[in-house]
Structure formats: C-alpha cells, structure tokens
Amino acid sequence: MPKRSITIKGHRTSIALEKEFWSVLDAAAERRRVSLPRLVAEIDKSRLKKTPPPGLASALRIFALSEAGRSGVGDEAD
C-alpha cells in the first residue's frame, strides 16, 4: 500500500492508501485546481467537524468513493 507524506497545518503526516484511492484523490485535486496537500487539508478540516471524527485515511477513502461515484470512475458500458 503506497504511503505519501503530506504536511497539514505545519505537521508532516504519512498516509497509506491503496493506489486506486490515490489516483482518485490526484484527479480530484487536479479538477479543483488545488494541490493534493491542500485537498487533503480540506478533507481533514471537514472530518474534524464530525463526532466522533473518522481517521484521516478513512475520511480520504470516503471522499474518494464519493468522488468516484460523481465522476463515473469505474462505470463501464456493457
């Protein structure tokens, strides 16, 4: 499982996600015209508003699944 180091609020953190999730997150950041660290920081900020807050990796996976559903990633014509 690939790990990436990202700085959030001045703190460096290492996040391990499956490559498919990283691909969706990279594409989402590109579509929004923001860097991946900025997108991750936005997701982190949003997750901390939940009670109890999910872990960061879980929040990133949930976001990626939501994005994939919206953009049709994985949809294939029969």
PDB file of N, CA and C in Angstrom:
ATOM      1  N   MET A   1       0.855  -1.164   0.000  1.00  0.00           N
ATOM      2  CA  MET A   1       0.000   0.000   0.000  1.00  0.00           C
ATOM      3  C   MET A   1       0.908   1.236   0.000  1.00  0.00           C
ATOM      4  N   PRO A   2       0.796   2.066  -1.028  1.00  0.00           N
ATOM      5  CA  PRO A   2       1.662   3.244  -1.121  1.00  0.00           C
ATOM      6  C   PRO A   2       1.401   4.264  -0.012  1.00  0.00           C
ATOM      7  N   LYS A   3       2.480   4.815   0.517  1.00  0.00           N
ATOM      8  CA  LYS A   3       2.390   5.878   1.524  1.00  0.00           C
ATOM      9  C   LYS A   3       2.840   7.183   0.900  1.00  0.00           C
ATOM     10  N   ARG A   4       2.206   8.257   1.329  1.00  0.00           N
ATOM     11  CA  ARG A   4       2.645   9.587   0.914  1.00  0.00           C
ATOM     12  C   ARG A   4       2.751  10.442   2.163  1.00  0.00           C
ATOM     13  N   SER A   5       3.753  11.299   2.179  1.00  0.00           N
ATOM     14  CA  SER A   5       3.918  12.239   3.281  1.00  0.00           C
ATOM     15  C   SER A   5       3.345  13.578   2.857  1.00  0.00           C
ATOM     16  N   ILE A   6       2.469  14.110   3.695  1.00  0.00           N
ATOM     17  CA  ILE A   6       1.785  15.368   3.396  1.00  0.00           C
ATOM     18  C   ILE A   6       1.843  16.243   4.635  1.00  0.00           C
ATOM     19  N   THR A   7       2.025  17.538   4.431  1.00  0.00           N
ATOM     20  CA  THR A   7       2.033  18.486   5.536  1.00  0.00           C
ATOM     21  C   THR A   7       0.651  19.104   5.678  1.00  0.00           C
ATOM     22  N   ILE A   8       0.087  18.987   6.881  1.00  0.00           N
ATOM     23  CA  ILE A   8      -1.215  19.564   7.198  1.00  0.00           C
ATOM     24  C   ILE A   8      -1.036  20.460   8.415  1.00  0.00           C
ATOM     25  N   LYS A   9      -1.379  21.734   8.259  1.00  0.00           N
ATOM     26  CA  LYS A   9      -1.242  22.707   9.352  1.00  0.00           C
ATOM     27  C   LYS A   9       0.162  22.678   9.944  1.00  0.00           C
ATOM     28  N   GLY A  10       1.162  22.566   9.103  1.00  0.00           N
ATOM     29  CA  GLY A  10       2.542  22.594   9.554  1.00  0.00           C
ATOM     30  C   GLY A  10       3.070  21.286  10.119  1.00  0.00           C
ATOM     31  N   HIS A  11       2.242  20.257  10.150  1.00  0.00           N
ATOM     32  CA  HIS A  11       2.666  18.961  10.678  1.00  0.00           C
ATOM     33  C   HIS A  11       2.733  17.947   9.543  1.00  0.00           C
ATOM     34  N   ARG A  12       3.856  17.262   9.468  1.00  0.00           N
ATOM     35  CA  ARG A  12       4.050  16.251   8.432  1.00  0.00           C
ATOM     36  C   ARG A  12       3.400  14.948   8.890  1.00  0.00           C
ATOM     37  N   THR A  13       2.615  14.351   8.014  1.00  0.00           N
ATOM     38  CA  THR A  13       1.978  13.078   8.332  1.00  0.00           C
ATOM     39  C   THR A  13       2.126  12.132   7.151  1.00  0.00           C
ATOM     40  N   SER A  14       2.213  10.864   7.443  1.00  0.00           N
ATOM     41  CA  SER A  14       2.339   9.844   6.410  1.00  0.00           C
ATOM     42  C   SER A  14       1.008   9.107   6.313  1.00  0.00           C
ATOM     43  N   ILE A  15       0.491   9.005   5.090  1.00  0.00           N
ATOM     44  CA  ILE A  15      -0.812   8.383   4.872  1.00  0.00           C
ATOM     45  C   ILE A  15      -0.643   7.211   3.911  1.00  0.00           C
ATOM     46  N   ALA A  16      -1.165   6.058   4.294  1.00  0.00           N
ATOM     47  CA  ALA A  16      -1.111   4.866   3.446  1.00  0.00           C
ATOM     48  C   ALA A  16      -2.504   4.593   2.895  1.00  0.00           C
ATOM     49  N   LEU A  17      -2.613   4.602   1.573  1.00  0.00           N
ATOM     50  CA  LEU A  17      -3.867   4.281   0.890  1.00  0.00           C
ATOM     51  C   LEU A  17      -3.558   3.402  -0.314  1.00  0.00           C
ATOM     52  N   GLU A  18      -4.528   2.645  -0.737  1.00  0.00           N
ATOM     53  CA  GLU A  18      -4.384   1.853  -1.949  1.00  0.00           C
ATOM     54  C   GLU A  18      -4.201   2.791  -3.139  1.00  0.00           C
ATOM     55  N   LYS A  19      -3.473   2.321  -4.160  1.00  0.00           N
ATOM     56  CA  LYS A  19      -3.142   3.190  -5.295  1.00  0.00           C
ATOM     57  C   LYS A  19      -4.381   3.727  -5.997  1.00  0.00           C
ATOM     58  N   GLU A  20      -5.460   2.957  -6.002  1.00  0.00           N
ATOM     59  CA  GLU A  20      -6.694   3.415  -6.646  1.00  0.00           C
ATOM     60  C   GLU A  20      -7.260   4.649  -5.949  1.00  0.00           C
ATOM     61  N   PHE A  21      -7.172   4.683  -4.626  1.00  0.00           N
ATOM     62  CA  PHE A  21      -7.644   5.858  -3.889  1.00  0.00           C
ATOM     63  C   PHE A  21      -6.758   7.067  -4.184  1.00  0.00           C
ATOM     64  N   TRP A  22      -5.433   6.848  -4.233  1.00  0.00           N
ATOM     65  CA  TRP A  22      -4.536   7.962  -4.563  1.00  0.00           C
ATOM     66  C   TRP A  22      -4.853   8.510  -5.950  1.00  0.00           C
ATOM     67  N   SER A  23      -5.156   7.633  -6.889  1.00  0.00           N
ATOM     68  CA  SER A  23      -5.473   8.077  -8.254  1.00  0.00           C
ATOM     69  C   SER A  23      -6.704   8.975  -8.271  1.00  0.00           C
ATOM     70  N   VAL A  24      -7.738   8.578  -7.540  1.00  0.00           N
ATOM     71  CA  VAL A  24      -8.963   9.386  -7.484  1.00  0.00           C
ATOM     72  C   VAL A  24      -8.682  10.718  -6.795  1.00  0.00           C
ATOM     73  N   LEU A  25      -7.912  10.697  -5.714  1.00  0.00           N
ATOM     74  CA  LEU A  25      -7.587  11.939  -5.000  1.00  0.00           C
ATOM     75  C   LEU A  25      -6.745  12.870  -5.871  1.00  0.00           C
ATOM     76  N   ASP A  26      -5.773  12.318  -6.585  1.00  0.00           N
ATOM     77  CA  ASP A  26      -4.960  13.136  -7.501  1.00  0.00           C
ATOM     78  C   ASP A  26      -5.842  13.796  -8.556  1.00  0.00           C
ATOM     79  N   ALA A  27      -6.765  13.023  -9.129  1.00  0.00           N
ATOM     80  CA  ALA A  27      -7.658  13.557 -10.164  1.00  0.00           C
ATOM     81  C   ALA A  27      -8.587  14.624  -9.587  1.00  0.00           C
ATOM     82  N   ALA A  28      -9.080  14.410  -8.375  1.00  0.00           N
ATOM     83  CA  ALA A  28      -9.969  15.388  -7.737  1.00  0.00           C
ATOM     84  C   ALA A  28      -9.234  16.698  -7.481  1.00  0.00           C
ATOM     85  N   ALA A  29      -8.000  16.609  -7.026  1.00  0.00           N
ATOM     86  CA  ALA A  29      -7.206  17.823  -6.792  1.00  0.00           C
ATOM     87  C   ALA A  29      -6.974  18.558  -8.103  1.00  0.00           C
ATOM     88  N   GLU A  30      -6.670  17.813  -9.144  1.00  0.00           N
ATOM     89  CA  GLU A  30      -6.436  18.422 -10.452  1.00  0.00           C
ATOM     90  C   GLU A  30      -7.698  19.119 -10.965  1.00  0.00           C
ATOM     91  N   ARG A  31      -8.851  18.456 -10.830  1.00  0.00           N
ATOM     92  CA  ARG A  31     -10.120  19.060 -11.276  1.00  0.00           C
ATOM     93  C   ARG A  31     -10.414  20.350 -10.523  1.00  0.00           C
ATOM     94  N   ARG A  32     -10.056  20.372  -9.240  1.00  0.00           N
ATOM     95  CA  ARG A  32     -10.314  21.558  -8.411  1.00  0.00           C
ATOM     96  C   ARG A  32      -9.211  22.616  -8.543  1.00  0.00           C
ATOM     97  N   ARG A  33      -8.164  22.254  -9.265  1.00  0.00           N
ATOM     98  CA  ARG A  33      -7.005  23.132  -9.453  1.00  0.00           C
ATOM     99  C   ARG A  33      -6.355  23.519  -8.120  1.00  0.00           C
ATOM    100  N   VAL A  34      -6.213  22.513  -7.259  1.00  0.00           N
ATOM    101  CA  VAL A  34      -5.506  22.689  -5.990  1.00  0.00           C
ATOM    102  C   VAL A  34      -4.470  21.577  -5.881  1.00  0.00           C
ATOM    103  N   SER A  35      -3.508  21.772  -5.008  1.00  0.00           N
ATOM    104  CA  SER A  35      -2.511  20.728  -4.787  1.00  0.00           C
ATOM    105  C   SER A  35      -3.142  19.595  -3.974  1.00  0.00           C
ATOM    106  N   LEU A  36      -2.551  18.421  -4.065  1.00  0.00           N
ATOM    107  CA  LEU A  36      -3.041  17.297  -3.271  1.00  0.00           C
ATOM    108  C   LEU A  36      -2.975  17.611  -1.772  1.00  0.00           C
ATOM    109  N   PRO A  37      -1.868  18.197  -1.270  1.00  0.00           N
ATOM    110  CA  PRO A  37      -1.847  18.531   0.159  1.00  0.00           C
ATOM    111  C   PRO A  37      -2.981  19.486   0.567  1.00  0.00           C
ATOM    112  N   ARG A  38      -3.318  20.421  -0.307  1.00  0.00           N
ATOM    113  CA  ARG A  38      -4.413  21.345   0.029  1.00  0.00           C
ATOM    114  C   ARG A  38      -5.747  20.601   0.072  1.00  0.00           C
ATOM    115  N   LEU A  39      -5.979  19.711  -0.887  1.00  0.00           N
ATOM    116  CA  LEU A  39      -7.207  18.921  -0.882  1.00  0.00           C
ATOM    117  C   LEU A  39      -7.284  18.071   0.383  1.00  0.00           C
ATOM    118  N   VAL A  40      -6.189  17.429   0.747  1.00  0.00           N
ATOM    119  CA  VAL A  40      -6.159  16.600   1.957  1.00  0.00           C
ATOM    120  C   VAL A  40      -6.435  17.459   3.188  1.00  0.00           C
ATOM    121  N   ALA A  41      -5.880  18.664   3.233  1.00  0.00           N
ATOM    122  CA  ALA A  41      -6.122  19.569   4.363  1.00  0.00           C
ATOM    123  C   ALA A  41      -7.601  19.942   4.454  1.00  0.00           C
ATOM    124  N   GLU A  42      -8.244  20.162   3.305  1.00  0.00           N
ATOM    125  CA  GLU A  42      -9.676  20.489   3.296  1.00  0.00           C
ATOM    126  C   GLU A  42     -10.506  19.308   3.801  1.00  0.00           C
ATOM    127  N   ILE A  43     -10.151  18.109   3.370  1.00  0.00           N
ATOM    128  CA  ILE A  43     -10.855  16.907   3.824  1.00  0.00           C
ATOM    129  C   ILE A  43     -10.628  16.720   5.322  1.00  0.00           C
ATOM    130  N   ASP A  44      -9.404  16.973   5.779  1.00  0.00           N
ATOM    131  CA  ASP A  44      -9.073  16.860   7.200  1.00  0.00           C
ATOM    132  C   ASP A  44      -9.911  17.833   8.021  1.00  0.00           C
ATOM    133  N   LYS A  45     -10.016  19.060   7.568  1.00  0.00           N
ATOM    134  CA  LYS A  45     -10.799  20.082   8.278  1.00  0.00           C
ATOM    135  C   LYS A  45     -12.262  19.651   8.381  1.00  0.00           C
ATOM    136  N   SER A  46     -12.786  19.123   7.298  1.00  0.00           N
ATOM    137  CA  SER A  46     -14.178  18.673   7.265  1.00  0.00           C
ATOM    138  C   SER A  46     -14.403  17.479   8.195  1.00  0.00           C
ATOM    139  N   ARG A  47     -13.466  16.542   8.215  1.00  0.00           N
ATOM    140  CA  ARG A  47     -13.644  15.335   9.038  1.00  0.00           C
ATOM    141  C   ARG A  47     -13.634  15.664  10.523  1.00  0.00           C
ATOM    142  N   LEU A  48     -12.894  16.705  10.911  1.00  0.00           N
ATOM    143  CA  LEU A  48     -12.798  17.065  12.327  1.00  0.00           C
ATOM    144  C   LEU A  48     -14.090  17.666  12.869  1.00  0.00           C
ATOM    145  N   LYS A  49     -15.017  18.016  11.985  1.00  0.00           N
ATOM    146  CA  LYS A  49     -16.314  18.557  12.408  1.00  0.00           C
ATOM    147  C   LYS A  49     -17.285  17.447  12.798  1.00  0.00           C
ATOM    148  N   LYS A  50     -16.937  16.201  12.467  1.00  0.00           N
ATOM    149  CA  LYS A  50     -17.822  15.075  12.760  1.00  0.00           C
ATOM    150  C   LYS A  50     -17.557  14.552  14.169  1.00  0.00           C
ATOM    151  N   THR A  51     -18.595  13.954  14.777  1.00  0.00           N
ATOM    152  CA  THR A  51     -18.459  13.403  16.113  1.00  0.00           C
ATOM    153  C   THR A  51     -18.844  11.938  16.085  1.00  0.00           C
ATOM    154  N   PRO A  52     -17.957  11.047  16.409  1.00  0.00           N
ATOM    155  CA  PRO A  52     -16.513  11.257  16.531  1.00  0.00           C
ATOM    156  C   PRO A  52     -15.904  11.356  15.135  1.00  0.00           C
ATOM    157  N   PRO A  53     -14.807  12.078  15.032  1.00  0.00           N
ATOM    158  CA  PRO A  53     -14.185  12.210  13.709  1.00  0.00           C
ATOM    159  C   PRO A  53     -13.560  10.889  13.261  1.00  0.00           C
ATOM    160  N   PRO A  54     -13.759  10.542  11.980  1.00  0.00           N
ATOM    161  CA  PRO A  54     -13.099   9.330  11.474  1.00  0.00           C
ATOM    162  C   PRO A  54     -11.598   9.578  11.352  1.00  0.00           C
ATOM    163  N   GLY A  55     -10.834   8.533  11.217  1.00  0.00           N
ATOM    164  CA  GLY A  55      -9.408   8.685  10.964  1.00  0.00           C
ATOM    165  C   GLY A  55      -9.202   9.352   9.611  1.00  0.00           C
ATOM    166  N   LEU A  56      -8.046   9.953   9.423  1.00  0.00           N
ATOM    167  CA  LEU A  56      -7.774  10.669   8.177  1.00  0.00           C
ATOM    168  C   LEU A  56      -7.820   9.736   6.970  1.00  0.00           C
ATOM    169  N   ALA A  57      -7.200   8.573   7.065  1.00  0.00           N
ATOM    170  CA  ALA A  57      -7.208   7.640   5.933  1.00  0.00           C
ATOM    171  C   ALA A  57      -8.638   7.229   5.588  1.00  0.00           C
ATOM    172  N   SER A  58      -9.459   6.990   6.595  1.00  0.00           N
ATOM    173  CA  SER A  58     -10.861   6.641   6.346  1.00  0.00           C
ATOM    174  C   SER A  58     -11.595   7.789   5.672  1.00  0.00           C
ATOM    175  N   ALA A  59     -11.373   9.009   6.140  1.00  0.00           N
ATOM    176  CA  ALA A  59     -12.019  10.181   5.544  1.00  0.00           C
ATOM    177  C   ALA A  59     -11.599  10.347   4.084  1.00  0.00           C
ATOM    178  N   LEU A  60     -10.333  10.081   3.789  1.00  0.00           N
ATOM    179  CA  LEU A  60      -9.856  10.186   2.410  1.00  0.00           C
ATOM    180  C   LEU A  60     -10.496   9.117   1.528  1.00  0.00           C
ATOM    181  N   ARG A  61     -10.638   7.911   2.055  1.00  0.00           N
ATOM    182  CA  ARG A  61     -11.288   6.846   1.282  1.00  0.00           C
ATOM    183  C   ARG A  61     -12.757   7.187   1.014  1.00  0.00           C
ATOM    184  N   ILE A  62     -13.458   7.683   2.025  1.00  0.00           N
ATOM    185  CA  ILE A  62     -14.868   8.063   1.861  1.00  0.00           C
ATOM    186  C   ILE A  62     -14.996   9.162   0.817  1.00  0.00           C
ATOM    187  N   PHE A  63     -14.121  10.165   0.899  1.00  0.00           N
ATOM    188  CA  PHE A  63     -14.139  11.248  -0.086  1.00  0.00           C
ATOM    189  C   PHE A  63     -13.891  10.689  -1.484  1.00  0.00           C
ATOM    190  N   ALA A  64     -12.897   9.820  -1.613  1.00  0.00           N
ATOM    191  CA  ALA A  64     -12.551   9.258  -2.921  1.00  0.00           C
ATOM    192  C   ALA A  64     -13.710   8.440  -3.494  1.00  0.00           C
ATOM    193  N   LEU A  65     -14.382   7.662  -2.661  1.00  0.00           N
ATOM    194  CA  LEU A  65     -15.530   6.892  -3.142  1.00  0.00           C
ATOM    195  C   LEU A  65     -16.648   7.815  -3.612  1.00  0.00           C
ATOM    196  N   SER A  66     -16.875   8.885  -2.873  1.00  0.00           N
ATOM    197  CA  SER A  66     -17.889   9.867  -3.261  1.00  0.00           C
ATOM    198  C   SER A  66     -17.524  10.515  -4.592  1.00  0.00           C
ATOM    199  N   GLU A  67     -16.262  10.885  -4.738  1.00  0.00           N
ATOM    200  CA  GLU A  67     -15.778  11.496  -5.983  1.00  0.00           C
ATOM    201  C   GLU A  67     -15.902  10.534  -7.151  1.00  0.00           C
ATOM    202  N   ALA A  68     -15.534   9.295  -6.930  1.00  0.00           N
ATOM    203  CA  ALA A  68     -15.597   8.297  -7.998  1.00  0.00           C
ATOM    204  C   ALA A  68     -17.039   8.109  -8.454  1.00  0.00           C
ATOM    205  N   GLY A  69     -17.967   8.127  -7.506  1.00  0.00           N
ATOM    206  CA  GLY A  69     -19.376   7.994  -7.852  1.00  0.00           C
ATOM    207  C   GLY A  69     -19.885   9.169  -8.663  1.00  0.00           C
ATOM    208  N   ARG A  70     -19.436  10.371  -8.304  1.00  0.00           N
ATOM    209  CA  ARG A  70     -19.867  11.580  -9.014  1.00  0.00           C
ATOM    210  C   ARG A  70     -19.288  11.660 -10.410  1.00  0.00           C
ATOM    211  N   SER A  71     -18.039  11.264 -10.547  1.00  0.00           N
ATOM    212  CA  SER A  71     -17.363  11.422 -11.836  1.00  0.00           C
ATOM    213  C   SER A  71     -17.536  10.208 -12.746  1.00  0.00           C
ATOM    214  N   GLY A  72     -18.169   9.163 -12.219  1.00  0.00           N
ATOM    215  CA  GLY A  72     -18.389   7.975 -13.043  1.00  0.00           C
ATOM    216  C   GLY A  72     -17.174   7.086 -13.160  1.00  0.00           C
ATOM    217  N   VAL A  73     -16.172   7.286 -12.311  1.00  0.00           N
ATOM    218  CA  VAL A  73     -14.989   6.427 -12.336  1.00  0.00           C
ATOM    219  C   VAL A  73     -15.434   5.006 -12.052  1.00  0.00           C
ATOM    220  N   GLY A  74     -15.009   4.101 -12.887  1.00  0.00           N
ATOM    221  CA  GLY A  74     -15.356   2.700 -12.700  1.00  0.00           C
ATOM    222  C   GLY A  74     -16.605   2.290 -13.452  1.00  0.00           C
ATOM    223  N   ASP A  75     -17.359   3.278 -13.976  1.00  0.00           N
ATOM    224  CA  ASP A  75     -18.535   2.947 -14.780  1.00  0.00           C
ATOM    225  C   ASP A  75     -18.078   2.451 -16.139  1.00  0.00           C
ATOM    226  N   GLU A  76     -18.575   1.328 -16.533  1.00  0.00           N
ATOM    227  CA  GLU A  76     -18.225   0.778 -17.842  1.00  0.00           C
ATOM    228  C   GLU A  76     -19.495   0.372 -18.557  1.00  0.00           C
ATOM    229  N   ALA A  77     -19.549   0.657 -19.839  1.00  0.00           N
ATOM    230  CA  ALA A  77     -20.710   0.250 -20.636  1.00  0.00           C
ATOM    231  C   ALA A  77     -20.666  -1.256 -20.853  1.00  0.00           C
ATOM    232  N   ASP A  78     -21.821  -1.868 -20.803  1.00  0.00           N
ATOM    233  CA  ASP A  78     -21.889  -3.321 -21.048  1.00  0.00           C
ATOM    234  C   ASP A  78     -21.874  -3.613 -22.520  1.00  0.00           C
TER     235      ASP A  78
END
